[in-house]
């Protein structure tokens, strides 16, 4: 369970699993600026806020 002070952060693998896409797809989205990510050392992390924004723009808005 996540407490209010904890931030949810996804890995590229998490996004791959959640959206059932390939690693190259996630990296393409990040490279093109569609999915924002933060680089920590050599690893990419996607804060939940960035994931939610991506979903709103690409899933919800495209249904309208």
C-alpha atoms as a PDB file:
ATOM      1  CA  UNK A   1       0.000   0.000   0.000  1.00  0.00           C
ATOM      2  CA  UNK A   2       1.272   3.450  -0.878  1.00  0.00           C
ATOM      3  CA  UNK A   3       1.136   6.100   1.809  1.00  0.00           C
ATOM      4  CA  UNK A   4       0.254   9.708   0.879  1.00  0.00           C
ATOM      5  CA  UNK A   5       3.905  10.793   1.080  1.00  0.00           C
ATOM      6  CA  UNK A   6       5.169   8.043  -1.237  1.00  0.00           C
ATOM      7  CA  UNK A   7       5.358   8.609  -4.970  1.00  0.00           C
ATOM      8  CA  UNK A   8       4.507   5.835  -7.401  1.00  0.00           C
ATOM      9  CA  UNK A   9       7.203   5.449 -10.032  1.00  0.00           C
ATOM     10  CA  UNK A  10       7.148   2.952 -12.896  1.00  0.00           C
ATOM     11  CA  UNK A  11      10.008   1.325 -14.754  1.00  0.00           C
ATOM     12  CA  UNK A  12      10.027   0.759 -18.506  1.00  0.00           C
ATOM     13  CA  UNK A  13       9.265  -2.908 -17.758  1.00  0.00           C
ATOM     14  CA  UNK A  14       6.236  -1.882 -15.677  1.00  0.00           C
ATOM     15  CA  UNK A  15       4.848   0.203 -18.556  1.00  0.00           C
ATOM     16  CA  UNK A  16       5.516  -2.660 -20.983  1.00  0.00           C
ATOM     17  CA  UNK A  17       3.513  -5.020 -18.796  1.00  0.00           C
ATOM     18  CA  UNK A  18       0.675  -2.602 -18.016  1.00  0.00           C
ATOM     19  CA  UNK A  19       0.111  -1.638 -21.659  1.00  0.00           C
ATOM     20  CA  UNK A  20       1.192  -4.945 -23.256  1.00  0.00           C
ATOM     21  CA  UNK A  21       3.713  -3.293 -25.579  1.00  0.00           C
ATOM     22  CA  UNK A  22       7.331  -3.925 -26.491  1.00  0.00           C
ATOM     23  CA  UNK A  23      10.301  -2.193 -24.902  1.00  0.00           C
ATOM     24  CA  UNK A  24      11.041  -0.439 -28.201  1.00  0.00           C
ATOM     25  CA  UNK A  25       7.556   1.075 -28.178  1.00  0.00           C
ATOM     26  CA  UNK A  26       7.999   2.526 -24.690  1.00  0.00           C
ATOM     27  CA  UNK A  27      11.419   3.927 -25.619  1.00  0.00           C
ATOM     28  CA  UNK A  28       9.934   5.423 -28.815  1.00  0.00           C
ATOM     29  CA  UNK A  29       7.219   7.176 -26.808  1.00  0.00           C
ATOM     30  CA  UNK A  30       9.850   8.567 -24.435  1.00  0.00           C
ATOM     31  CA  UNK A  31      12.173   9.654 -27.252  1.00  0.00           C
ATOM     32  CA  UNK A  32       9.318  11.401 -29.087  1.00  0.00           C
ATOM     33  CA  UNK A  33       8.193  13.147 -25.900  1.00  0.00           C
ATOM     34  CA  UNK A  34       4.805  11.435 -25.755  1.00  0.00           C
ATOM     35  CA  UNK A  35       5.650   9.746 -22.454  1.00  0.00           C
ATOM     36  CA  UNK A  36       7.734  11.808 -20.063  1.00  0.00           C
ATOM     37  CA  UNK A  37      10.426  10.015 -18.098  1.00  0.00           C
ATOM     38  CA  UNK A  38      13.156  10.857 -15.634  1.00  0.00           C
ATOM     39  CA  UNK A  39      16.643   9.454 -16.016  1.00  0.00           C
ATOM     40  CA  UNK A  40      18.195   8.330 -12.750  1.00  0.00           C
ATOM     41  CA  UNK A  41      21.750   7.285 -13.457  1.00  0.00           C
ATOM     42  CA  UNK A  42      21.364   5.059 -16.500  1.00  0.00           C
ATOM     43  CA  UNK A  43      17.786   4.008 -15.729  1.00  0.00           C
ATOM     44  CA  UNK A  44      14.542   5.572 -16.863  1.00  0.00           C
ATOM     45  CA  UNK A  45      11.686   6.035 -14.422  1.00  0.00           C
ATOM     46  CA  UNK A  46       8.157   7.185 -15.183  1.00  0.00           C
ATOM     47  CA  UNK A  47       6.384   8.913 -12.278  1.00  0.00           C
ATOM     48  CA  UNK A  48       2.676   8.061 -12.012  1.00  0.00           C
ATOM     49  CA  UNK A  49       1.758  11.659 -12.867  1.00  0.00           C
ATOM     50  CA  UNK A  50       3.580  11.337 -16.220  1.00  0.00           C
ATOM     51  CA  UNK A  51       1.928   7.976 -16.904  1.00  0.00           C
ATOM     52  CA  UNK A  52      -1.525   9.391 -16.074  1.00  0.00           C
ATOM     53  CA  UNK A  53      -0.894  12.371 -18.378  1.00  0.00           C
ATOM     54  CA  UNK A  54       0.186  10.022 -21.181  1.00  0.00           C
ATOM     55  CA  UNK A  55      -2.961   7.923 -20.730  1.00  0.00           C
ATOM     56  CA  UNK A  56      -5.231  10.985 -20.746  1.00  0.00           C
ATOM     57  CA  UNK A  57      -3.677  12.313 -23.952  1.00  0.00           C
ATOM     58  CA  UNK A  58      -3.402   9.044 -25.826  1.00  0.00           C
ATOM     59  CA  UNK A  59      -6.256   6.899 -24.644  1.00  0.00           C
ATOM     60  CA  UNK A  60      -9.043   9.081 -23.285  1.00  0.00           C
ATOM     61  CA  UNK A  61      -8.643  12.080 -25.649  1.00  0.00           C
ATOM     62  CA  UNK A  62      -8.405   9.874 -28.759  1.00  0.00           C
ATOM     63  CA  UNK A  63     -11.783   8.289 -27.947  1.00  0.00           C
ATOM     64  CA  UNK A  64     -13.513  11.661 -28.258  1.00  0.00           C
END
